[in-house]
């Protein structure tokens, strides 16, 4: 877990560190420009070529 100095009210947790199903809502597909060509996205979630939450 870490806190971004630019956004101290938010906490960031690596999903790989969570055991079980955290029951988070589905929201976005990120980095779709680098997905495997055989992988088909068939839902209506928003798609982003990069991480929409990353500050440049």
PDB file of N, CA and C in Angstrom:
ATOM      1  N   UNK A   1       0.846  -1.168   0.000  1.00  0.00           N
ATOM      2  CA  UNK A   1       0.000   0.000   0.000  1.00  0.00           C
ATOM      3  C   UNK A   1       0.890   1.229   0.000  1.00  0.00           C
ATOM      4  N   UNK A   2       0.469   2.243  -0.725  1.00  0.00           N
ATOM      5  CA  UNK A   2       1.198   3.497  -0.656  1.00  0.00           C
ATOM      6  C   UNK A   2       0.237   4.663  -0.821  1.00  0.00           C
ATOM      7  N   UNK A   3       0.688   5.830  -0.437  1.00  0.00           N
ATOM      8  CA  UNK A   3      -0.085   7.064  -0.556  1.00  0.00           C
ATOM      9  C   UNK A   3       0.686   7.996  -1.473  1.00  0.00           C
ATOM     10  N   UNK A   4       0.004   8.556  -2.454  1.00  0.00           N
ATOM     11  CA  UNK A   4       0.609   9.514  -3.376  1.00  0.00           C
ATOM     12  C   UNK A   4       0.612  10.881  -2.704  1.00  0.00           C
ATOM     13  N   UNK A   5       1.775  11.521  -2.651  1.00  0.00           N
ATOM     14  CA  UNK A   5       1.868  12.839  -2.023  1.00  0.00           C
ATOM     15  C   UNK A   5       0.954  13.871  -2.688  1.00  0.00           C
ATOM     16  N   UNK A   6       0.657  13.678  -3.975  1.00  0.00           N
ATOM     17  CA  UNK A   6      -0.210  14.607  -4.698  1.00  0.00           C
ATOM     18  C   UNK A   6      -1.681  14.406  -4.352  1.00  0.00           C
ATOM     19  N   UNK A   7      -2.012  13.226  -3.828  1.00  0.00           N
ATOM     20  CA  UNK A   7      -3.398  12.895  -3.486  1.00  0.00           C
ATOM     21  C   UNK A   7      -3.412  12.153  -2.155  1.00  0.00           C
ATOM     22  N   UNK A   8      -3.142  12.847  -1.047  1.00  0.00           N
ATOM     23  CA  UNK A   8      -2.994  12.163   0.246  1.00  0.00           C
ATOM     24  C   UNK A   8      -4.282  11.546   0.784  1.00  0.00           C
ATOM     25  N   UNK A   9      -5.431  11.841   0.182  1.00  0.00           N
ATOM     26  CA  UNK A   9      -6.689  11.264   0.648  1.00  0.00           C
ATOM     27  C   UNK A   9      -6.974   9.903   0.018  1.00  0.00           C
ATOM     28  N   UNK A  10      -6.104   9.449  -0.906  1.00  0.00           N
ATOM     29  CA  UNK A  10      -6.311   8.168  -1.579  1.00  0.00           C
ATOM     30  C   UNK A  10      -5.217   7.187  -1.185  1.00  0.00           C
ATOM     31  N   UNK A  11      -5.600   5.917  -1.047  1.00  0.00           N
ATOM     32  CA  UNK A  11      -4.664   4.838  -0.761  1.00  0.00           C
ATOM     33  C   UNK A  11      -4.632   3.920  -1.975  1.00  0.00           C
ATOM     34  N   UNK A  12      -3.467   3.402  -2.307  1.00  0.00           N
ATOM     35  CA  UNK A  12      -3.303   2.507  -3.440  1.00  0.00           C
ATOM     36  C   UNK A  12      -2.803   1.164  -2.935  1.00  0.00           C
ATOM     37  N   UNK A  13      -3.498   0.102  -3.325  1.00  0.00           N
ATOM     38  CA  UNK A  13      -3.171  -1.250  -2.880  1.00  0.00           C
ATOM     39  C   UNK A  13      -2.991  -2.125  -4.115  1.00  0.00           C
ATOM     40  N   UNK A  14      -1.891  -2.862  -4.196  1.00  0.00           N
ATOM     41  CA  UNK A  14      -1.672  -3.794  -5.298  1.00  0.00           C
ATOM     42  C   UNK A  14      -2.691  -4.925  -5.191  1.00  0.00           C
ATOM     43  N   UNK A  15      -3.440  -5.167  -6.246  1.00  0.00           N
ATOM     44  CA  UNK A  15      -4.481  -6.189  -6.205  1.00  0.00           C
ATOM     45  C   UNK A  15      -3.903  -7.581  -5.963  1.00  0.00           C
ATOM     46  N   UNK A  16      -2.657  -7.797  -6.363  1.00  0.00           N
ATOM     47  CA  UNK A  16      -2.028  -9.093  -6.139  1.00  0.00           C
ATOM     48  C   UNK A  16      -1.793  -9.399  -4.672  1.00  0.00           C
ATOM     49  N   UNK A  17      -1.891  -8.397  -3.818  1.00  0.00           N
ATOM     50  CA  UNK A  17      -1.677  -8.616  -2.388  1.00  0.00           C
ATOM     51  C   UNK A  17      -2.963  -8.953  -1.645  1.00  0.00           C
ATOM     52  N   UNK A  18      -4.080  -8.988  -2.349  1.00  0.00           N
ATOM     53  CA  UNK A  18      -5.374  -9.265  -1.713  1.00  0.00           C
ATOM     54  C   UNK A  18      -5.738 -10.732  -1.901  1.00  0.00           C
ATOM     55  N   UNK A  19      -6.067 -11.412  -0.811  1.00  0.00           N
ATOM     56  CA  UNK A  19      -6.527 -12.797  -0.865  1.00  0.00           C
ATOM     57  C   UNK A  19      -8.042 -12.811  -1.004  1.00  0.00           C
ATOM     58  N   UNK A  20      -8.550 -13.688  -1.832  1.00  0.00           N
ATOM     59  CA  UNK A  20      -9.992 -13.822  -1.980  1.00  0.00           C
ATOM     60  C   UNK A  20     -10.561 -12.834  -2.987  1.00  0.00           C
ATOM     61  N   UNK A  21     -11.868 -12.691  -2.967  1.00  0.00           N
ATOM     62  CA  UNK A  21     -12.587 -11.824  -3.894  1.00  0.00           C
ATOM     63  C   UNK A  21     -13.007 -10.556  -3.158  1.00  0.00           C
ATOM     64  N   UNK A  22     -12.415  -9.410  -3.504  1.00  0.00           N
ATOM     65  CA  UNK A  22     -12.757  -8.177  -2.781  1.00  0.00           C
ATOM     66  C   UNK A  22     -14.108  -7.592  -3.194  1.00  0.00           C
ATOM     67  N   UNK A  23     -14.810  -8.219  -4.157  1.00  0.00           N
ATOM     68  CA  UNK A  23     -16.125  -7.778  -4.614  1.00  0.00           C
ATOM     69  C   UNK A  23     -16.140  -6.306  -5.011  1.00  0.00           C
ATOM     70  N   UNK A  24     -15.158  -5.919  -5.832  1.00  0.00           N
ATOM     71  CA  UNK A  24     -15.098  -4.550  -6.335  1.00  0.00           C
ATOM     72  C   UNK A  24     -15.952  -4.425  -7.587  1.00  0.00           C
ATOM     73  N   UNK A  25     -16.548  -3.278  -7.809  1.00  0.00           N
ATOM     74  CA  UNK A  25     -17.360  -3.100  -9.020  1.00  0.00           C
ATOM     75  C   UNK A  25     -16.465  -3.036 -10.255  1.00  0.00           C
ATOM     76  N   UNK A  26     -16.964  -3.567 -11.373  1.00  0.00           N
ATOM     77  CA  UNK A  26     -16.244  -3.462 -12.638  1.00  0.00           C
ATOM     78  C   UNK A  26     -16.417  -2.048 -13.168  1.00  0.00           C
ATOM     79  N   UNK A  27     -15.352  -1.455 -13.703  1.00  0.00           N
ATOM     80  CA  UNK A  27     -15.450  -0.062 -14.126  1.00  0.00           C
ATOM     81  C   UNK A  27     -14.779   0.227 -15.464  1.00  0.00           C
ATOM     82  N   UNK A  28     -13.548  -0.239 -15.676  1.00  0.00           N
ATOM     83  CA  UNK A  28     -12.765   0.149 -16.847  1.00  0.00           C
ATOM     84  C   UNK A  28     -11.899  -1.005 -17.336  1.00  0.00           C
ATOM     85  N   UNK A  29     -11.501  -0.918 -18.606  1.00  0.00           N
ATOM     86  CA  UNK A  29     -10.412  -1.728 -19.160  1.00  0.00           C
ATOM     87  C   UNK A  29      -9.306  -0.728 -19.477  1.00  0.00           C
ATOM     88  N   UNK A  30      -8.094  -0.980 -18.957  1.00  0.00           N
ATOM     89  CA  UNK A  30      -6.989  -0.058 -19.236  1.00  0.00           C
ATOM     90  C   UNK A  30      -5.936  -0.765 -20.085  1.00  0.00           C
ATOM     91  N   UNK A  31      -5.153   0.020 -20.787  1.00  0.00           N
ATOM     92  CA  UNK A  31      -4.073  -0.463 -21.660  1.00  0.00           C
ATOM     93  C   UNK A  31      -4.614  -1.372 -22.759  1.00  0.00           C
ATOM     94  N   UNK A  32      -5.799  -1.065 -23.296  1.00  0.00           N
ATOM     95  CA  UNK A  32      -6.383  -1.907 -24.343  1.00  0.00           C
ATOM     96  C   UNK A  32      -5.596  -1.836 -25.650  1.00  0.00           C
ATOM     97  N   UNK A  33      -4.765  -0.813 -25.818  1.00  0.00           N
ATOM     98  CA  UNK A  33      -3.957  -0.731 -27.035  1.00  0.00           C
ATOM     99  C   UNK A  33      -2.854  -1.786 -27.057  1.00  0.00           C
ATOM    100  N   UNK A  34      -2.556  -2.415 -25.921  1.00  0.00           N
ATOM    101  CA  UNK A  34      -1.515  -3.434 -25.884  1.00  0.00           C
ATOM    102  C   UNK A  34      -2.065  -4.819 -25.541  1.00  0.00           C
ATOM    103  N   UNK A  35      -3.380  -4.993 -25.653  1.00  0.00           N
ATOM    104  CA  UNK A  35      -3.958  -6.313 -25.366  1.00  0.00           C
ATOM    105  C   UNK A  35      -3.596  -7.285 -26.488  1.00  0.00           C
ATOM    106  N   UNK A  36      -3.649  -8.560 -26.201  1.00  0.00           N
ATOM    107  CA  UNK A  36      -3.374  -9.582 -27.209  1.00  0.00           C
ATOM    108  C   UNK A  36      -4.415  -9.493 -28.320  1.00  0.00           C
ATOM    109  N   UNK A  37      -4.009  -9.669 -29.569  1.00  0.00           N
ATOM    110  CA  UNK A  37      -4.955  -9.542 -30.679  1.00  0.00           C
ATOM    111  C   UNK A  37      -6.109 -10.550 -30.631  1.00  0.00           C
ATOM    112  N   UNK A  38      -5.887 -11.684 -29.972  1.00  0.00           N
ATOM    113  CA  UNK A  38      -6.945 -12.690 -29.875  1.00  0.00           C
ATOM    114  C   UNK A  38      -7.899 -12.433 -28.718  1.00  0.00           C
ATOM    115  N   UNK A  39      -7.554 -11.486 -27.840  1.00  0.00           N
ATOM    116  CA  UNK A  39      -8.418 -11.191 -26.687  1.00  0.00           C
ATOM    117  C   UNK A  39      -9.515 -10.223 -27.118  1.00  0.00           C
ATOM    118  N   UNK A  40     -10.752 -10.652 -26.996  1.00  0.00           N
ATOM    119  CA  UNK A  40     -11.892  -9.829 -27.407  1.00  0.00           C
ATOM    120  C   UNK A  40     -12.609  -9.301 -26.172  1.00  0.00           C
ATOM    121  N   UNK A  41     -12.790  -7.995 -26.106  1.00  0.00           N
ATOM    122  CA  UNK A  41     -13.525  -7.377 -25.001  1.00  0.00           C
ATOM    123  C   UNK A  41     -14.984  -7.305 -25.428  1.00  0.00           C
ATOM    124  N   UNK A  42     -15.839  -7.981 -24.697  1.00  0.00           N
ATOM    125  CA  UNK A  42     -17.232  -8.111 -25.127  1.00  0.00           C
ATOM    126  C   UNK A  42     -18.230  -7.425 -24.197  1.00  0.00           C
ATOM    127  N   UNK A  43     -17.746  -6.637 -23.258  1.00  0.00           N
ATOM    128  CA  UNK A  43     -18.676  -5.942 -22.370  1.00  0.00           C
ATOM    129  C   UNK A  43     -18.736  -4.457 -22.740  1.00  0.00           C
ATOM    130  N   UNK A  44     -19.523  -3.708 -22.014  1.00  0.00           N
ATOM    131  CA  UNK A  44     -19.723  -2.284 -22.312  1.00  0.00           C
ATOM    132  C   UNK A  44     -18.916  -1.356 -21.397  1.00  0.00           C
ATOM    133  N   UNK A  45     -17.899  -1.896 -20.715  1.00  0.00           N
ATOM    134  CA  UNK A  45     -17.093  -1.053 -19.837  1.00  0.00           C
ATOM    135  C   UNK A  45     -16.255  -0.083 -20.669  1.00  0.00           C
ATOM    136  N   UNK A  46     -15.903   1.046 -20.074  1.00  0.00           N
ATOM    137  CA  UNK A  46     -15.060   2.029 -20.747  1.00  0.00           C
ATOM    138  C   UNK A  46     -13.707   1.405 -21.062  1.00  0.00           C
ATOM    139  N   UNK A  47     -13.147   1.748 -22.226  1.00  0.00           N
ATOM    140  CA  UNK A  47     -11.846   1.241 -22.637  1.00  0.00           C
ATOM    141  C   UNK A  47     -10.881   2.405 -22.803  1.00  0.00           C
ATOM    142  N   UNK A  48      -9.677   2.223 -22.280  1.00  0.00           N
ATOM    143  CA  UNK A  48      -8.653   3.278 -22.318  1.00  0.00           C
ATOM    144  C   UNK A  48      -7.354   2.694 -22.866  1.00  0.00           C
ATOM    145  N   UNK A  49      -6.679   3.441 -23.734  1.00  0.00           N
ATOM    146  CA  UNK A  49      -5.388   3.008 -24.250  1.00  0.00           C
ATOM    147  C   UNK A  49      -4.302   3.066 -23.188  1.00  0.00           C
ATOM    148  N   UNK A  50      -4.472   3.900 -22.200  1.00  0.00           N
ATOM    149  CA  UNK A  50      -3.494   4.010 -21.114  1.00  0.00           C
ATOM    150  C   UNK A  50      -4.268   4.069 -19.799  1.00  0.00           C
ATOM    151  N   UNK A  51      -3.590   4.236 -18.719  1.00  0.00           N
ATOM    152  CA  UNK A  51      -4.221   4.320 -17.413  1.00  0.00           C
ATOM    153  C   UNK A  51      -4.855   5.714 -17.270  1.00  0.00           C
ATOM    154  N   UNK A  52      -6.167   5.818 -17.217  1.00  0.00           N
ATOM    155  CA  UNK A  52      -6.815   7.131 -17.154  1.00  0.00           C
ATOM    156  C   UNK A  52      -6.605   7.852 -15.818  1.00  0.00           C
ATOM    157  N   UNK A  53      -6.110   7.139 -14.833  1.00  0.00           N
ATOM    158  CA  UNK A  53      -5.934   7.734 -13.509  1.00  0.00           C
ATOM    159  C   UNK A  53      -4.492   8.143 -13.239  1.00  0.00           C
ATOM    160  N   UNK A  54      -3.602   7.878 -14.188  1.00  0.00           N
ATOM    161  CA  UNK A  54      -2.199   8.227 -14.022  1.00  0.00           C
ATOM    162  C   UNK A  54      -1.999   9.700 -14.359  1.00  0.00           C
ATOM    163  N   UNK A  55      -1.355  10.412 -13.461  1.00  0.00           N
ATOM    164  CA  UNK A  55      -1.054  11.825 -13.698  1.00  0.00           C
ATOM    165  C   UNK A  55       0.225  11.932 -14.498  1.00  0.00           C
ATOM    166  N   UNK A  56       0.159  12.648 -15.606  1.00  0.00           N
ATOM    167  CA  UNK A  56       1.357  12.828 -16.438  1.00  0.00           C
ATOM    168  C   UNK A  56       2.189  13.989 -15.978  1.00  0.00           C
TER     169      UNK A  56
END
